Amino acid sequence: MAAALSLLLWAGAPAAAQRIVLPTGEYMDTTSLRNPGCGAPFYQYYQVKGKYPVASATLARQAQAFLQQRNGRYTGTGLITFRFGIDCEGKRLPWTKVLQTDAAYRPTHFAPALVEALYAYLQTLTEWRRAAGPNREPANYLTLLSFRIQDGKVVAVTP
């Protein structure tokens, strides 16, 4: 069963995520699989030009359309941020930290259905850039996507 779930995640297919809420944070898909062909260091996305290669405004429109297709009634205003790794082959690693804040940047929790729907959208993004370290070696990197939510709708995505 776990192997089948891993295959779905690696294939980029939206799937239900394992969700763990701890006092230190919220996590989705806590498996820590690594590509054995990729080295151990992780860079920050801005160190290796790892921003997703689609305009933020386009991502916001796509994310909102994705939510509308799911016919959910979402509420809340603030930010939902997913922080995760990309391996040296440009594949998203399953371990994901979820950060949620209200409009004043205070910690909050949105409805799980909204968080899970945005995570499913994140899983559809498969064009992550391959990165290279300072010596041009293939590199892993940590990145994030923040969805600005206003009255339950995605109005912006950063970075």
N, C-alpha and C. Protein backbone atom coordinates (compact mmCIF):
# COMPACT_ATOMS: atom_id res chain seq x y z
N MET A 1 0.83 -1.19 0.00
CA MET A 1 0.00 0.00 0.00
C MET A 1 0.87 1.25 0.00
N ALA A 2 1.88 1.29 0.88
CA ALA A 2 2.75 2.47 0.95
C ALA A 2 3.50 2.65 -0.36
N ALA A 3 3.91 1.55 -0.99
CA ALA A 3 4.61 1.65 -2.27
C ALA A 3 3.70 2.22 -3.34
N ALA A 4 2.44 1.83 -3.34
CA ALA A 4 1.50 2.36 -4.33
C ALA A 4 1.29 3.86 -4.13
N LEU A 5 1.19 4.30 -2.88
CA LEU A 5 1.03 5.73 -2.60
C LEU A 5 2.27 6.49 -3.05
N SER A 6 3.44 5.95 -2.79
CA SER A 6 4.67 6.61 -3.23
C SER A 6 4.71 6.75 -4.74
N LEU A 7 4.29 5.70 -5.45
CA LEU A 7 4.27 5.78 -6.91
C LEU A 7 3.32 6.86 -7.39
N LEU A 8 2.15 6.98 -6.77
CA LEU A 8 1.22 8.04 -7.15
C LEU A 8 1.83 9.41 -6.94
N LEU A 9 2.51 9.60 -5.81
CA LEU A 9 3.11 10.90 -5.53
C LEU A 9 4.22 11.21 -6.51
N TRP A 10 5.03 10.24 -6.82
CA TRP A 10 6.13 10.47 -7.75
C TRP A 10 5.60 10.71 -9.15
N ALA A 11 4.49 10.13 -9.49
CA ALA A 11 3.92 10.32 -10.83
C ALA A 11 3.24 11.68 -10.95
N GLY A 12 3.10 12.38 -9.85
CA GLY A 12 2.49 13.71 -9.90
C GLY A 12 0.97 13.68 -9.86
N ALA A 13 0.38 12.52 -9.67
CA ALA A 13 -1.07 12.43 -9.64
C ALA A 13 -1.59 12.93 -8.29
N PRO A 14 -2.60 13.79 -8.30
CA PRO A 14 -3.15 14.24 -7.03
C PRO A 14 -3.69 13.05 -6.23
N ALA A 15 -3.31 12.97 -4.98
CA ALA A 15 -3.75 11.87 -4.13
C ALA A 15 -4.03 12.41 -2.74
N ALA A 16 -4.81 11.66 -1.98
CA ALA A 16 -5.04 12.05 -0.60
C ALA A 16 -3.71 12.02 0.13
N ALA A 17 -3.50 12.97 1.01
CA ALA A 17 -2.22 13.08 1.69
C ALA A 17 -2.33 12.65 3.15
N GLN A 18 -1.26 12.07 3.65
CA GLN A 18 -1.15 11.82 5.06
C GLN A 18 -1.00 13.18 5.73
N ARG A 19 -1.75 13.45 6.76
CA ARG A 19 -1.72 14.77 7.39
C ARG A 19 -1.45 14.61 8.88
N ILE A 20 -0.42 15.30 9.37
CA ILE A 20 -0.06 15.23 10.78
C ILE A 20 0.02 16.65 11.32
N VAL A 21 -0.70 16.91 12.41
CA VAL A 21 -0.68 18.23 13.05
C VAL A 21 0.02 18.07 14.40
N LEU A 22 1.11 18.82 14.57
CA LEU A 22 1.88 18.81 15.81
C LEU A 22 1.95 20.23 16.37
N PRO A 23 2.31 20.39 17.62
CA PRO A 23 2.46 21.75 18.15
C PRO A 23 3.51 22.56 17.39
N THR A 24 4.48 21.88 16.79
CA THR A 24 5.55 22.58 16.06
C THR A 24 5.22 22.85 14.61
N GLY A 25 4.11 22.33 14.12
CA GLY A 25 3.74 22.58 12.72
C GLY A 25 2.84 21.50 12.17
N GLU A 26 2.41 21.71 10.95
CA GLU A 26 1.54 20.77 10.26
C GLU A 26 2.30 20.22 9.07
N TYR A 27 2.18 18.92 8.83
CA TYR A 27 2.93 18.27 7.77
C TYR A 27 2.01 17.42 6.93
N MET A 28 2.35 17.28 5.65
CA MET A 28 1.62 16.40 4.75
C MET A 28 2.64 15.50 4.07
N ASP A 29 2.28 14.25 3.87
CA ASP A 29 3.17 13.28 3.24
C ASP A 29 4.54 13.32 3.88
N THR A 30 4.64 12.79 5.08
CA THR A 30 5.86 12.90 5.86
C THR A 30 6.94 11.92 5.47
N THR A 31 6.72 11.14 4.44
CA THR A 31 7.77 10.22 4.01
C THR A 31 8.99 11.03 3.58
N SER A 32 10.15 10.48 3.81
CA SER A 32 11.37 11.22 3.48
C SER A 32 12.17 10.49 2.40
N LEU A 33 11.47 10.01 1.39
CA LEU A 33 12.16 9.34 0.30
C LEU A 33 13.10 10.31 -0.39
N ARG A 34 14.25 9.80 -0.76
CA ARG A 34 15.21 10.61 -1.50
C ARG A 34 15.66 9.84 -2.71
N ASN A 35 15.95 10.57 -3.75
CA ASN A 35 16.50 9.97 -4.95
C ASN A 35 17.95 9.62 -4.65
N PRO A 36 18.35 8.34 -4.73
CA PRO A 36 19.72 7.97 -4.38
C PRO A 36 20.76 8.60 -5.32
N GLY A 37 20.34 9.05 -6.50
CA GLY A 37 21.28 9.68 -7.42
C GLY A 37 21.55 11.13 -7.12
N CYS A 38 20.86 11.69 -6.13
CA CYS A 38 21.02 13.10 -5.79
C CYS A 38 21.84 13.22 -4.51
N GLY A 39 22.72 14.20 -4.47
CA GLY A 39 23.56 14.43 -3.30
C GLY A 39 22.76 14.89 -2.10
N ALA A 40 23.40 14.92 -0.95
CA ALA A 40 22.73 15.25 0.29
C ALA A 40 22.43 16.73 0.49
N PRO A 41 23.25 17.67 0.06
CA PRO A 41 22.93 19.05 0.44
C PRO A 41 21.66 19.56 -0.22
N PHE A 42 20.96 20.42 0.52
CA PHE A 42 19.78 21.11 0.00
C PHE A 42 20.07 22.60 0.00
N TYR A 43 19.82 23.24 -1.12
CA TYR A 43 19.96 24.68 -1.24
C TYR A 43 18.57 25.30 -1.08
N GLN A 44 18.51 26.61 -0.88
CA GLN A 44 17.25 27.33 -0.92
C GLN A 44 16.94 27.63 -2.38
N TYR A 45 15.68 27.69 -2.75
CA TYR A 45 15.29 27.87 -4.15
C TYR A 45 15.93 29.11 -4.77
N TYR A 46 16.09 30.17 -4.00
CA TYR A 46 16.64 31.41 -4.55
C TYR A 46 18.15 31.31 -4.78
N GLN A 47 18.83 30.34 -4.15
CA GLN A 47 20.26 30.16 -4.37
C GLN A 47 20.54 29.47 -5.71
N VAL A 48 19.55 28.75 -6.23
CA VAL A 48 19.77 27.96 -7.45
C VAL A 48 18.74 28.28 -8.53
N LYS A 49 18.09 29.43 -8.41
CA LYS A 49 17.08 29.86 -9.39
C LYS A 49 16.01 28.79 -9.58
N GLY A 50 15.48 28.31 -8.45
CA GLY A 50 14.53 27.21 -8.48
C GLY A 50 13.06 27.60 -8.45
N LYS A 51 12.75 28.87 -8.72
CA LYS A 51 11.33 29.27 -8.75
C LYS A 51 10.60 28.49 -9.83
N TYR A 52 9.35 28.12 -9.56
CA TYR A 52 8.56 27.38 -10.55
C TYR A 52 8.44 28.23 -11.82
N PRO A 53 8.63 27.63 -13.00
CA PRO A 53 8.74 28.40 -14.24
C PRO A 53 7.42 28.85 -14.87
N VAL A 54 6.42 29.11 -14.05
CA VAL A 54 5.14 29.65 -14.53
C VAL A 54 4.87 30.91 -13.71
N ALA A 55 4.36 31.94 -14.36
CA ALA A 55 4.10 33.21 -13.68
C ALA A 55 3.17 33.01 -12.48
N SER A 56 3.44 33.74 -11.42
CA SER A 56 2.64 33.63 -10.20
C SER A 56 1.16 33.92 -10.45
N ALA A 57 0.86 34.90 -11.31
CA ALA A 57 -0.54 35.22 -11.62
C ALA A 57 -1.22 34.05 -12.32
N THR A 58 -0.49 33.37 -13.18
CA THR A 58 -1.04 32.19 -13.87
C THR A 58 -1.31 31.07 -12.86
N LEU A 59 -0.37 30.85 -11.95
CA LEU A 59 -0.57 29.83 -10.91
C LEU A 59 -1.79 30.15 -10.07
N ALA A 60 -2.00 31.41 -9.73
CA ALA A 60 -3.17 31.80 -8.93
C ALA A 60 -4.46 31.48 -9.69
N ARG A 61 -4.50 31.82 -10.97
CA ARG A 61 -5.71 31.53 -11.77
C ARG A 61 -5.94 30.02 -11.87
N GLN A 62 -4.87 29.27 -12.11
CA GLN A 62 -4.99 27.82 -12.21
C GLN A 62 -5.46 27.21 -10.88
N ALA A 63 -4.90 27.68 -9.78
CA ALA A 63 -5.27 27.15 -8.47
C ALA A 63 -6.74 27.43 -8.16
N GLN A 64 -7.20 28.64 -8.46
CA GLN A 64 -8.60 28.98 -8.21
C GLN A 64 -9.52 28.14 -9.10
N ALA A 65 -9.14 27.94 -10.36
CA ALA A 65 -9.94 27.09 -11.25
C ALA A 65 -9.98 25.65 -10.73
N PHE A 66 -8.85 25.17 -10.20
CA PHE A 66 -8.78 23.83 -9.63
C PHE A 66 -9.75 23.71 -8.45
N LEU A 67 -9.77 24.72 -7.59
CA LEU A 67 -10.71 24.71 -6.45
C LEU A 67 -12.15 24.71 -6.92
N GLN A 68 -12.46 25.51 -7.94
CA GLN A 68 -13.83 25.58 -8.45
C GLN A 68 -14.28 24.25 -9.03
N GLN A 69 -13.37 23.52 -9.68
CA GLN A 69 -13.71 22.21 -10.23
C GLN A 69 -14.08 21.22 -9.14
N ARG A 70 -13.55 21.42 -7.95
CA ARG A 70 -13.82 20.51 -6.84
C ARG A 70 -15.15 20.82 -6.16
N ASN A 71 -15.79 21.90 -6.55
CA ASN A 71 -17.11 22.28 -6.03
C ASN A 71 -17.17 22.43 -4.52
N GLY A 72 -16.04 22.78 -3.91
CA GLY A 72 -16.04 22.99 -2.46
C GLY A 72 -16.45 24.41 -2.12
N ARG A 73 -16.97 24.58 -0.93
CA ARG A 73 -17.28 25.93 -0.43
C ARG A 73 -16.21 26.25 0.62
N TYR A 74 -15.27 27.08 0.22
CA TYR A 74 -14.15 27.38 1.08
C TYR A 74 -14.31 28.77 1.69
N THR A 75 -13.75 28.94 2.88
CA THR A 75 -13.82 30.22 3.57
C THR A 75 -12.43 30.56 4.11
N GLY A 76 -12.30 31.76 4.61
CA GLY A 76 -11.07 32.17 5.27
C GLY A 76 -10.26 33.15 4.44
N THR A 77 -9.43 33.92 5.14
CA THR A 77 -8.54 34.89 4.52
C THR A 77 -7.18 34.77 5.19
N GLY A 78 -6.14 34.73 4.39
CA GLY A 78 -4.78 34.62 4.91
C GLY A 78 -3.87 33.93 3.92
N LEU A 79 -2.90 33.20 4.43
CA LEU A 79 -1.92 32.50 3.59
C LEU A 79 -1.84 31.03 3.97
N ILE A 80 -1.76 30.19 2.94
CA ILE A 80 -1.45 28.77 3.13
C ILE A 80 -0.17 28.54 2.35
N THR A 81 0.89 28.15 3.07
CA THR A 81 2.21 27.98 2.46
C THR A 81 2.63 26.52 2.57
N PHE A 82 3.08 25.96 1.46
CA PHE A 82 3.62 24.61 1.42
C PHE A 82 5.13 24.73 1.21
N ARG A 83 5.92 24.11 2.08
CA ARG A 83 7.38 24.11 1.95
C ARG A 83 7.81 22.67 1.73
N PHE A 84 8.63 22.45 0.71
CA PHE A 84 8.97 21.09 0.31
C PHE A 84 10.28 21.09 -0.46
N GLY A 85 10.77 19.91 -0.77
CA GLY A 85 12.02 19.78 -1.50
C GLY A 85 11.80 19.36 -2.94
N ILE A 86 12.77 19.74 -3.78
CA ILE A 86 12.84 19.30 -5.17
C ILE A 86 14.18 18.60 -5.32
N ASP A 87 14.17 17.40 -5.88
CA ASP A 87 15.44 16.69 -6.01
C ASP A 87 16.21 17.15 -7.24
N CYS A 88 17.40 16.60 -7.41
CA CYS A 88 18.29 17.05 -8.49
C CYS A 88 17.75 16.76 -9.88
N GLU A 89 16.70 15.95 -9.98
CA GLU A 89 16.09 15.67 -11.28
C GLU A 89 14.83 16.50 -11.52
N GLY A 90 14.55 17.44 -10.62
CA GLY A 90 13.39 18.30 -10.79
C GLY A 90 12.08 17.66 -10.34
N LYS A 91 12.16 16.65 -9.48
CA LYS A 91 10.96 15.98 -8.98
C LYS A 91 10.69 16.43 -7.54
N ARG A 92 9.41 16.70 -7.27
CA ARG A 92 9.01 17.13 -5.93
C ARG A 92 9.13 15.96 -4.96
N LEU A 93 9.75 16.22 -3.82
CA LEU A 93 9.85 15.21 -2.77
C LEU A 93 8.58 15.25 -1.93
N PRO A 94 8.11 14.12 -1.41
CA PRO A 94 6.81 14.09 -0.77
C PRO A 94 6.72 14.84 0.56
N TRP A 95 7.79 14.96 1.32
CA TRP A 95 7.72 15.63 2.63
C TRP A 95 7.34 17.09 2.44
N THR A 96 6.28 17.53 3.09
CA THR A 96 5.78 18.89 2.91
C THR A 96 5.35 19.47 4.25
N LYS A 97 5.87 20.66 4.56
CA LYS A 97 5.43 21.38 5.76
C LYS A 97 4.39 22.39 5.33
N VAL A 98 3.32 22.49 6.11
CA VAL A 98 2.22 23.42 5.81
C VAL A 98 2.21 24.51 6.88
N LEU A 99 2.26 25.76 6.43
CA LEU A 99 2.19 26.91 7.32
C LEU A 99 0.93 27.68 6.98
N GLN A 100 0.18 28.08 7.99
CA GLN A 100 -1.08 28.79 7.76
C GLN A 100 -1.13 30.02 8.66
N THR A 101 -1.42 31.16 8.06
CA THR A 101 -1.54 32.40 8.82
C THR A 101 -2.78 33.15 8.37
N ASP A 102 -3.29 33.98 9.28
CA ASP A 102 -4.42 34.82 8.90
C ASP A 102 -3.90 36.07 8.18
N ALA A 103 -4.76 37.00 7.88
CA ALA A 103 -4.37 38.19 7.12
C ALA A 103 -3.37 39.06 7.87
N ALA A 104 -3.31 38.92 9.20
CA ALA A 104 -2.35 39.68 10.01
C ALA A 104 -1.09 38.85 10.30
N TYR A 105 -0.91 37.74 9.59
CA TYR A 105 0.24 36.85 9.71
C TYR A 105 0.33 36.15 11.07
N ARG A 106 -0.80 35.98 11.74
CA ARG A 106 -0.85 35.20 12.97
C ARG A 106 -1.18 33.76 12.61
N PRO A 107 -0.59 32.79 13.32
CA PRO A 107 -0.89 31.39 13.03
C PRO A 107 -2.39 31.12 13.12
N THR A 108 -2.88 30.33 12.20
CA THR A 108 -4.29 29.95 12.17
C THR A 108 -4.39 28.59 11.50
N HIS A 109 -5.60 28.07 11.39
CA HIS A 109 -5.85 26.84 10.65
C HIS A 109 -7.06 27.05 9.74
N PHE A 110 -6.86 26.82 8.46
CA PHE A 110 -7.97 26.83 7.51
C PHE A 110 -8.65 25.47 7.57
N ALA A 111 -9.81 25.38 6.96
CA ALA A 111 -10.52 24.10 6.89
C ALA A 111 -9.63 23.07 6.19
N PRO A 112 -9.54 21.86 6.73
CA PRO A 112 -8.71 20.84 6.11
C PRO A 112 -9.04 20.60 4.63
N ALA A 113 -10.30 20.73 4.25
CA ALA A 113 -10.68 20.50 2.84
C ALA A 113 -9.98 21.49 1.92
N LEU A 114 -9.83 22.74 2.34
CA LEU A 114 -9.15 23.74 1.51
C LEU A 114 -7.66 23.43 1.42
N VAL A 115 -7.04 23.10 2.55
CA VAL A 115 -5.61 22.78 2.56
C VAL A 115 -5.35 21.56 1.67
N GLU A 116 -6.18 20.54 1.81
CA GLU A 116 -6.00 19.32 1.01
C GLU A 116 -6.24 19.57 -0.47
N ALA A 117 -7.19 20.43 -0.81
CA ALA A 117 -7.43 20.76 -2.22
C ALA A 117 -6.24 21.51 -2.81
N LEU A 118 -5.67 22.44 -2.07
CA LEU A 118 -4.49 23.16 -2.57
C LEU A 118 -3.28 22.23 -2.66
N TYR A 119 -3.18 21.29 -1.73
CA TYR A 119 -2.09 20.31 -1.82
C TYR A 119 -2.27 19.43 -3.06
N ALA A 120 -3.50 19.06 -3.36
CA ALA A 120 -3.76 18.28 -4.58
C ALA A 120 -3.36 19.09 -5.81
N TYR A 121 -3.64 20.39 -5.81
CA TYR A 121 -3.21 21.24 -6.92
C TYR A 121 -1.68 21.26 -7.00
N LEU A 122 -1.01 21.41 -5.87
CA LEU A 122 0.45 21.41 -5.84
C LEU A 122 1.01 20.15 -6.50
N GLN A 123 0.36 19.02 -6.26
CA GLN A 123 0.82 17.76 -6.83
C GLN A 123 0.73 17.74 -8.35
N THR A 124 -0.07 18.61 -8.94
CA THR A 124 -0.18 18.64 -10.41
C THR A 124 0.96 19.42 -11.05
N LEU A 125 1.73 20.15 -10.27
CA LEU A 125 2.83 20.96 -10.81
C LEU A 125 4.06 20.08 -11.00
N THR A 126 4.42 19.84 -12.23
CA THR A 126 5.50 18.88 -12.53
C THR A 126 6.67 19.49 -13.29
N GLU A 127 6.70 20.78 -13.46
CA GLU A 127 7.76 21.41 -14.26
C GLU A 127 8.84 22.06 -13.40
N TRP A 128 9.13 21.49 -12.25
CA TRP A 128 10.15 22.07 -11.38
C TRP A 128 11.50 22.03 -12.07
N ARG A 129 12.29 23.05 -11.85
CA ARG A 129 13.60 23.15 -12.51
C ARG A 129 14.62 22.25 -11.85
N ARG A 130 15.48 21.71 -12.69
CA ARG A 130 16.66 21.03 -12.17
C ARG A 130 17.63 22.11 -11.75
N ALA A 131 18.34 21.87 -10.68
CA ALA A 131 19.26 22.88 -10.17
C ALA A 131 20.68 22.34 -10.11
N ALA A 132 21.62 23.27 -10.07
CA ALA A 132 23.03 22.91 -9.94
C ALA A 132 23.63 23.73 -8.80
N GLY A 133 24.52 23.08 -8.06
CA GLY A 133 25.22 23.76 -6.97
C GLY A 133 26.34 24.63 -7.50
N PRO A 134 27.16 25.19 -6.60
CA PRO A 134 28.21 26.12 -7.01
C PRO A 134 29.26 25.51 -7.94
N ASN A 135 29.45 24.20 -7.85
CA ASN A 135 30.41 23.53 -8.74
C ASN A 135 29.72 22.83 -9.90
N ARG A 136 28.50 23.28 -10.19
CA ARG A 136 27.68 22.74 -11.27
C ARG A 136 27.24 21.29 -11.05
N GLU A 137 27.34 20.82 -9.81
CA GLU A 137 26.87 19.48 -9.50
C GLU A 137 25.34 19.51 -9.37
N PRO A 138 24.65 18.43 -9.74
CA PRO A 138 23.20 18.39 -9.57
C PRO A 138 22.84 18.65 -8.11
N ALA A 139 21.82 19.46 -7.89
CA ALA A 139 21.50 19.86 -6.52
C ALA A 139 20.02 19.70 -6.20
N ASN A 140 19.75 19.37 -4.95
CA ASN A 140 18.40 19.39 -4.40
C ASN A 140 18.17 20.79 -3.86
N TYR A 141 16.90 21.19 -3.78
CA TYR A 141 16.63 22.49 -3.15
C TYR A 141 15.29 22.48 -2.44
N LEU A 142 15.19 23.37 -1.46
CA LEU A 142 13.95 23.59 -0.73
C LEU A 142 13.23 24.77 -1.35
N THR A 143 11.95 24.62 -1.54
CA THR A 143 11.17 25.70 -2.13
C THR A 143 9.85 25.82 -1.39
N LEU A 144 9.04 26.76 -1.81
CA LEU A 144 7.74 26.94 -1.20
C LEU A 144 6.78 27.56 -2.20
N LEU A 145 5.52 27.36 -1.95
CA LEU A 145 4.46 28.07 -2.66
C LEU A 145 3.50 28.57 -1.59
N SER A 146 3.21 29.86 -1.64
CA SER A 146 2.25 30.47 -0.73
C SER A 146 1.02 30.89 -1.51
N PHE A 147 -0.12 30.45 -1.05
CA PHE A 147 -1.40 30.80 -1.67
C PHE A 147 -2.07 31.85 -0.79
N ARG A 148 -2.26 33.05 -1.34
CA ARG A 148 -2.99 34.09 -0.61
C ARG A 148 -4.47 33.84 -0.84
N ILE A 149 -5.19 33.67 0.26
CA ILE A 149 -6.61 33.34 0.23
C ILE A 149 -7.40 34.55 0.71
N GLN A 150 -8.43 34.90 -0.02
CA GLN A 150 -9.34 35.96 0.41
C GLN A 150 -10.76 35.45 0.26
N ASP A 151 -11.47 35.37 1.37
CA ASP A 151 -12.84 34.85 1.39
C ASP A 151 -12.93 33.49 0.69
N GLY A 152 -11.94 32.63 0.96
CA GLY A 152 -11.95 31.28 0.43
C GLY A 152 -11.49 31.13 -1.00
N LYS A 153 -11.03 32.20 -1.62
CA LYS A 153 -10.58 32.15 -3.02
C LYS A 153 -9.09 32.46 -3.10
N VAL A 154 -8.40 31.81 -4.03
CA VAL A 154 -6.98 32.09 -4.26
C VAL A 154 -6.88 33.38 -5.05
N VAL A 155 -6.21 34.38 -4.49
CA VAL A 155 -6.07 35.66 -5.18
C VAL A 155 -4.63 35.93 -5.61
N ALA A 156 -3.66 35.18 -5.06
CA ALA A 156 -2.26 35.36 -5.44
C ALA A 156 -1.48 34.12 -5.02
N VAL A 157 -0.36 33.89 -5.73
CA VAL A 157 0.57 32.82 -5.38
C VAL A 157 1.96 33.42 -5.40
N THR A 158 2.76 33.12 -4.39
CA THR A 158 4.15 33.55 -4.36
C THR A 158 5.02 32.38 -3.96
N PRO A 159 6.29 32.31 -4.27
CA PRO A 159 7.02 33.31 -5.03
C PRO A 159 6.70 33.22 -6.49
